[in-house]
Each structure stands twice: as C-alpha cells, then as structure tokens.
C-alpha cells in the first residue's frame, strides 16, 4: 500500500502522516499502550504463547467472534512511532514510553483522554510538561510514524467475509482518525472515548461481546499489550498477544477455523 494521505487531529488542527485513506468525522483514534504492573508468570506464559501455539482446526463453533485492537495491531508499532517523535524533539527516544509505564500522573492523563473525560488540548498541555517539550502538535507527532499493517487488515477482512463477526475494541485518543475503510471492516466498534470505558476494564470486553452477539467464551481478542490481553482472559475470552502478523494470523486460523490467505503476506 502506498503511503496514505495525511490525517488531521482535532487536538491541534495540525497534520500528521495518515494511517488510512480519508478522515471520517467523529470517529475514534488509535489505541494506545499504557503501563501496567508485570503479570504473574502463569498468566504471562498463557498469553505470550497464545500467538504461536501449535496450529489446529477446532469445530467452527469453538470461537465465533473476533475482537481486535487498532494501534499496534492493525498498524505498525506504536512505541517506534513514539520513539521517533521524541528523537525529533531532541528528547530521549524512550521518554514517552517511560512516562506511560512509570509515571502515575502521565497514565492518569492518558486514562482521562481515553474515556473522554479530558479533551486532547488539555492532554497535550499536561503531557508536554511531563515530557519536557512544547504541546503544539504533540498528539499528531506521536502517531506520525504509524503505517497500516496490511496483512492484519486483510485478515480481518477475510474473517468477516467468512462469516466471523468482527469488533474493534480501542482505547482512543482523538476521535477523528478512523476512516470509512476501517469502519467497513467491522460489524461493531467499541471506542473508549465513546463508551466511557477503557481496556483492561472488564466491562469494555463484555460490551464488545454483546455488540456482536457472542458469549465471552466464544470470542478471540487480539491486542499488542499484555495487560489488555489479561483483561480479556479474565472475562473468559481467548487472548492472542500480537507480536508478528504471520504468527497472529496463523493462530486466528486455528481458533476461528477459517483459512486466511493473508498469512502468507505476513511472513
């Protein structure tokens, strides 16, 4: 896919490299990595192996719905984009990541943004102060390095065409990054800023399952953050911790019982 057109954020009115073809008004922005305490060794082993477990073909009714994250799963790695932004601003490339993982104030600001309690302009001002940079263009800049993950997008498209209900479950920042192209991939969307919940709260997973008419035990949930996968498992879903498109797609084939030709493109 060619480099997509730029997209505009409501946060500052500035522009950043777009993730998809066109803006869609009042739609949700990319999900965002957040800090969480390290999981137990038991839970870590369960989730970490989920994307690379031996392939099998269960009965079609074993898992009937696909719930999936946006940023870092349907796009390139978010942390790399954050690192590039920090480097461009003359900061430690790991500065933003470290704040979200280690600073409670930064995480609190993020949670307020994700649930719609805080507006993007306030977040930019407060997070810029913690980061040691100017607020102008901060959100656009943090996400400027994101690119579509074409194999994962194709996998969602193929799963839905095969009759698998699909739902996007995203912790959003700004609400105008998603396009008609992305919305068309899904039967339902659960966006944190629109529902006042965020991953890994159990209610957001249950809401997503309800919107596609599936029991939690029938849902496969894909995310690039371990704590979000843990949250899904806590309500009875099967979680796939995303690291590599080919491995994730192969695991989805096994869990959903469908053939996804996009797996070859993900290698």
Protein backbone atom coordinates (compact mmCIF):
# COMPACT_ATOMS: atom_id res chain seq x y z
CA UNK A 1 0.00 0.00 0.00
CA UNK A 2 1.31 3.42 -0.88
CA UNK A 3 1.91 5.89 1.90
CA UNK A 4 -1.56 7.15 2.79
CA UNK A 5 -2.65 10.76 2.80
CA UNK A 6 -2.21 12.83 5.88
CA UNK A 7 -4.81 12.94 8.61
CA UNK A 8 -5.89 15.80 10.80
CA UNK A 9 -6.25 15.71 14.56
CA UNK A 10 -8.78 17.74 16.47
CA UNK A 11 -6.20 18.15 19.18
CA UNK A 12 -4.21 20.87 17.50
CA UNK A 13 -5.55 21.31 13.99
CA UNK A 14 -2.17 20.17 12.70
CA UNK A 15 -1.42 17.35 10.31
CA UNK A 16 0.31 14.05 10.68
CA UNK A 17 1.02 11.23 8.29
CA UNK A 18 -2.28 9.45 7.81
CA UNK A 19 -2.94 5.87 8.67
CA UNK A 20 -5.71 5.37 6.12
CA UNK A 21 -7.22 6.96 3.11
CA UNK A 22 -9.58 9.64 4.38
CA UNK A 23 -10.90 11.25 7.51
CA UNK A 24 -14.24 10.29 8.98
CA UNK A 25 -15.96 12.79 11.27
CA UNK A 26 -16.48 11.93 14.91
CA UNK A 27 -14.76 8.57 14.75
CA UNK A 28 -12.18 7.10 17.04
CA UNK A 29 -8.43 7.42 17.15
CA UNK A 30 -5.67 4.87 17.64
CA UNK A 31 -5.47 2.77 20.75
CA UNK A 32 -2.55 3.48 22.96
CA UNK A 33 -0.05 1.49 25.00
CA UNK A 34 -0.28 2.07 28.73
CA UNK A 35 1.73 0.98 31.72
CA UNK A 36 0.72 -1.89 33.91
CA UNK A 37 2.38 -3.95 36.57
CA UNK A 38 4.10 -7.12 35.27
CA UNK A 39 1.71 -10.07 35.19
CA UNK A 40 2.19 -13.29 37.09
CA UNK A 41 4.39 -15.89 35.47
CA UNK A 42 1.40 -18.16 34.94
CA UNK A 43 -0.61 -15.52 33.15
CA UNK A 44 2.39 -14.32 31.18
CA UNK A 45 3.09 -17.82 29.90
CA UNK A 46 -0.53 -18.30 28.88
CA UNK A 47 -0.77 -15.11 26.88
CA UNK A 48 2.73 -14.98 25.47
CA UNK A 49 2.32 -18.41 23.90
CA UNK A 50 -1.13 -17.74 22.50
CA UNK A 51 0.01 -16.27 19.18
CA UNK A 52 2.42 -19.12 18.46
CA UNK A 53 0.64 -22.17 19.85
CA UNK A 54 0.51 -25.28 17.61
CA UNK A 55 -1.98 -24.89 14.81
CA UNK A 56 -5.19 -26.86 14.99
CA UNK A 57 -8.61 -26.69 13.40
CA UNK A 58 -11.33 -26.71 16.06
CA UNK A 59 -15.02 -27.03 15.38
CA UNK A 60 -16.29 -23.86 13.72
CA UNK A 61 -18.38 -23.09 16.82
CA UNK A 62 -15.40 -23.15 19.21
CA UNK A 63 -14.77 -19.43 18.65
CA UNK A 64 -17.29 -17.43 16.71
CA UNK A 65 -16.23 -13.77 17.01
CA UNK A 66 -13.08 -11.70 16.51
CA UNK A 67 -12.39 -8.67 18.73
CA UNK A 68 -9.27 -6.73 17.85
CA UNK A 69 -7.26 -3.66 18.85
CA UNK A 70 -6.25 -0.92 16.42
CA UNK A 71 -2.92 0.80 17.15
CA UNK A 72 -0.02 -1.65 17.13
CA UNK A 73 -2.15 -4.46 15.66
CA UNK A 74 -3.78 -3.04 12.55
CA UNK A 75 -0.94 -0.52 12.32
CA UNK A 76 2.80 -0.58 12.73
CA UNK A 77 4.34 -0.49 16.20
CA UNK A 78 3.21 2.47 18.31
CA UNK A 79 6.27 2.57 20.53
CA UNK A 80 8.51 3.02 17.48
CA UNK A 81 6.42 5.98 16.39
CA UNK A 82 6.68 7.49 19.87
CA UNK A 83 10.45 6.98 19.86
CA UNK A 84 10.79 8.73 16.51
CA UNK A 85 8.77 11.68 17.79
CA UNK A 86 10.90 12.02 20.90
CA UNK A 87 14.11 11.85 18.89
CA UNK A 88 12.85 14.54 16.52
CA UNK A 89 12.13 16.77 19.52
CA UNK A 90 15.64 16.25 20.89
CA UNK A 91 14.44 14.02 23.75
CA UNK A 92 15.47 10.57 24.89
CA UNK A 93 13.77 8.24 22.38
CA UNK A 94 12.36 6.22 25.29
CA UNK A 95 11.00 9.25 27.17
CA UNK A 96 7.32 8.91 26.21
CA UNK A 97 7.27 5.16 26.74
CA UNK A 98 8.92 5.53 30.13
CA UNK A 99 6.38 8.15 31.24
CA UNK A 100 3.39 5.99 30.33
CA UNK A 101 4.87 2.96 32.04
CA UNK A 102 6.32 4.57 35.16
CA UNK A 103 4.66 7.91 35.89
CA UNK A 104 1.18 7.71 37.51
CA UNK A 105 0.45 11.30 36.52
CA UNK A 106 1.07 10.54 32.85
CA UNK A 107 -1.09 7.43 33.00
CA UNK A 108 -3.88 9.35 34.74
CA UNK A 109 -3.83 11.97 31.99
CA UNK A 110 -4.00 9.24 29.38
CA UNK A 111 -6.93 7.48 31.04
CA UNK A 112 -8.84 10.76 31.16
CA UNK A 113 -8.22 11.25 27.46
CA UNK A 114 -9.17 7.68 26.58
CA UNK A 115 -12.51 7.83 28.36
CA UNK A 116 -13.44 11.28 27.10
CA UNK A 117 -13.13 12.95 30.49
CA UNK A 118 -10.28 15.16 29.27
CA UNK A 119 -10.02 16.91 25.93
CA UNK A 120 -6.99 16.49 23.65
CA UNK A 121 -5.80 20.06 24.18
CA UNK A 122 -5.58 19.55 27.93
CA UNK A 123 -3.77 16.27 27.49
CA UNK A 124 -1.24 17.86 25.14
CA UNK A 125 -0.51 20.66 27.61
CA UNK A 126 -0.10 18.38 30.61
CA UNK A 127 1.76 15.57 28.92
CA UNK A 128 4.08 18.02 27.14
CA UNK A 129 5.02 19.46 30.54
CA UNK A 130 5.86 15.99 31.85
CA UNK A 131 7.77 15.15 28.69
CA UNK A 132 9.67 18.42 28.55
CA UNK A 133 8.54 19.63 25.14
CA UNK A 134 6.08 22.01 23.51
CA UNK A 135 2.42 20.94 23.40
CA UNK A 136 1.73 22.05 19.85
CA UNK A 137 1.34 19.08 17.53
CA UNK A 138 2.09 16.56 20.26
CA UNK A 139 -0.64 14.00 19.52
CA UNK A 140 -0.19 14.26 15.77
CA UNK A 141 3.55 13.89 16.20
CA UNK A 142 3.34 10.87 18.46
CA UNK A 143 1.29 9.00 15.87
CA UNK A 144 3.02 10.34 12.75
CA UNK A 145 5.04 7.16 12.28
CA UNK A 146 2.08 4.78 12.15
CA UNK A 147 1.50 2.85 8.95
CA UNK A 148 -1.16 0.30 8.03
CA UNK A 149 -0.38 -3.34 8.84
CA UNK A 150 -1.74 -4.71 5.59
CA UNK A 151 -1.61 -8.45 6.46
CA UNK A 152 -3.64 -7.84 9.63
CA UNK A 153 -6.16 -5.65 7.83
CA UNK A 154 -6.57 -8.33 5.20
CA UNK A 155 -7.03 -10.99 7.89
CA UNK A 156 -9.89 -9.05 9.49
CA UNK A 157 -11.47 -8.51 6.10
CA UNK A 158 -11.22 -12.21 5.23
CA UNK A 159 -12.50 -13.36 8.62
CA UNK A 160 -15.59 -11.20 8.27
CA UNK A 161 -16.17 -12.39 4.72
CA UNK A 162 -16.10 -15.95 6.08
CA UNK A 163 -18.93 -15.09 8.47
CA UNK A 164 -16.95 -14.24 11.62
CA UNK A 165 -18.45 -11.22 13.46
CA UNK A 166 -15.77 -8.58 13.97
CA UNK A 167 -15.49 -5.80 16.54
CA UNK A 168 -12.86 -3.13 17.01
CA UNK A 169 -12.06 -2.56 20.70
CA UNK A 170 -9.88 0.52 21.03
CA UNK A 171 -8.58 2.90 23.68
CA UNK A 172 -8.86 6.11 21.71
CA UNK A 173 -7.03 9.42 21.87
CA UNK A 174 -8.65 11.83 19.42
CA UNK A 175 -11.86 10.90 17.66
CA UNK A 176 -11.22 11.66 14.01
CA UNK A 177 -8.56 9.25 12.82
CA UNK A 178 -10.73 6.33 11.76
CA UNK A 179 -11.93 6.21 8.20
CA UNK A 180 -14.72 4.61 6.22
CA UNK A 181 -12.20 1.99 5.16
CA UNK A 182 -11.57 0.95 8.75
CA UNK A 183 -15.19 1.12 9.85
CA UNK A 184 -16.20 -1.11 6.96
CA UNK A 185 -14.05 -3.93 8.35
CA UNK A 186 -16.21 -4.33 11.44
CA UNK A 187 -19.69 -5.31 12.45
CA UNK A 188 -19.33 -3.23 15.62
CA UNK A 189 -16.97 -0.75 17.25
CA UNK A 190 -16.33 -0.16 20.94
CA UNK A 191 -14.29 3.01 21.35
CA UNK A 192 -13.20 4.05 24.82
CA UNK A 193 -13.95 7.73 24.35
CA UNK A 194 -17.47 6.96 23.15
CA UNK A 195 -18.42 4.44 25.85
CA UNK A 196 -16.57 5.92 28.85
CA UNK A 197 -14.63 2.71 29.47
CA UNK A 198 -11.08 1.63 28.71
CA UNK A 199 -9.14 -1.59 28.39
CA UNK A 200 -8.44 -3.51 30.57
CA UNK A 201 -11.70 -2.80 32.42
CA UNK A 202 -13.86 -5.95 32.18
CA UNK A 203 -16.95 -4.00 31.15
CA UNK A 204 -15.45 -2.94 27.82
CA UNK A 205 -14.83 -6.54 26.76
CA UNK A 206 -18.32 -7.61 27.80
CA UNK A 207 -19.81 -4.69 25.89
CA UNK A 208 -17.89 -5.68 22.77
CA UNK A 209 -19.01 -9.30 23.02
CA UNK A 210 -22.61 -8.16 23.41
CA UNK A 211 -22.41 -5.92 20.37
CA UNK A 212 -21.50 -8.88 18.15
CA UNK A 213 -23.96 -11.20 19.88
CA UNK A 214 -21.32 -13.60 21.22
CA UNK A 215 -20.59 -15.05 24.65
CA UNK A 216 -17.16 -14.05 26.01
CA UNK A 217 -16.01 -17.67 25.80
CA UNK A 218 -16.71 -17.61 22.06
CA UNK A 219 -14.57 -14.51 21.44
CA UNK A 220 -10.97 -14.26 20.31
CA UNK A 221 -9.35 -10.98 21.38
CA UNK A 222 -6.14 -9.63 19.81
CA UNK A 223 -4.03 -6.86 21.33
CA UNK A 224 -0.36 -5.89 21.45
CA UNK A 225 -0.46 -5.11 25.18
CA UNK A 226 -0.19 -7.89 27.71
CA UNK A 227 -2.41 -6.18 30.29
CA UNK A 228 -5.21 -5.81 27.75
CA UNK A 229 -4.96 -9.49 26.84
CA UNK A 230 -5.11 -10.36 30.53
CA UNK A 231 -8.28 -8.30 30.89
CA UNK A 232 -9.91 -10.25 28.07
CA UNK A 233 -8.91 -13.57 29.59
CA UNK A 234 -10.33 -12.52 32.94
CA UNK A 235 -13.82 -12.35 31.41
CA UNK A 236 -13.41 -15.71 29.68
CA UNK A 237 -12.12 -14.76 26.23
CA UNK A 238 -9.20 -16.34 24.41
CA UNK A 239 -6.47 -13.74 24.01
CA UNK A 240 -3.76 -13.52 21.37
CA UNK A 241 -0.83 -11.28 22.28
CA UNK A 242 0.18 -9.76 18.95
CA UNK A 243 3.85 -9.54 18.07
CA UNK A 244 4.12 -10.73 14.48
CA UNK A 245 1.41 -10.70 11.79
CA UNK A 246 2.20 -14.17 10.43
CA UNK A 247 2.10 -15.79 13.87
CA UNK A 248 -1.07 -13.97 14.90
CA UNK A 249 -2.86 -14.81 11.67
CA UNK A 250 -1.89 -18.46 11.93
CA UNK A 251 -3.29 -18.54 15.46
CA UNK A 252 -6.51 -16.90 14.29
CA UNK A 253 -6.92 -19.54 11.61
CA UNK A 254 -6.69 -22.21 14.27
CA UNK A 255 -9.03 -20.54 16.74
CA UNK A 256 -11.65 -19.37 14.25
CA UNK A 257 -11.47 -22.36 11.92
CA UNK A 258 -11.12 -20.24 8.79
CA UNK A 259 -8.49 -20.01 6.09
CA UNK A 260 -6.78 -16.61 5.94
CA UNK A 261 -4.65 -16.25 2.85
CA UNK A 262 -3.20 -13.05 4.31
CA UNK A 263 -0.95 -15.23 6.50
CA UNK A 264 1.43 -15.67 3.58
CA UNK A 265 1.71 -11.89 3.18
CA UNK A 266 2.54 -11.52 6.86
CA UNK A 267 5.74 -13.53 6.62
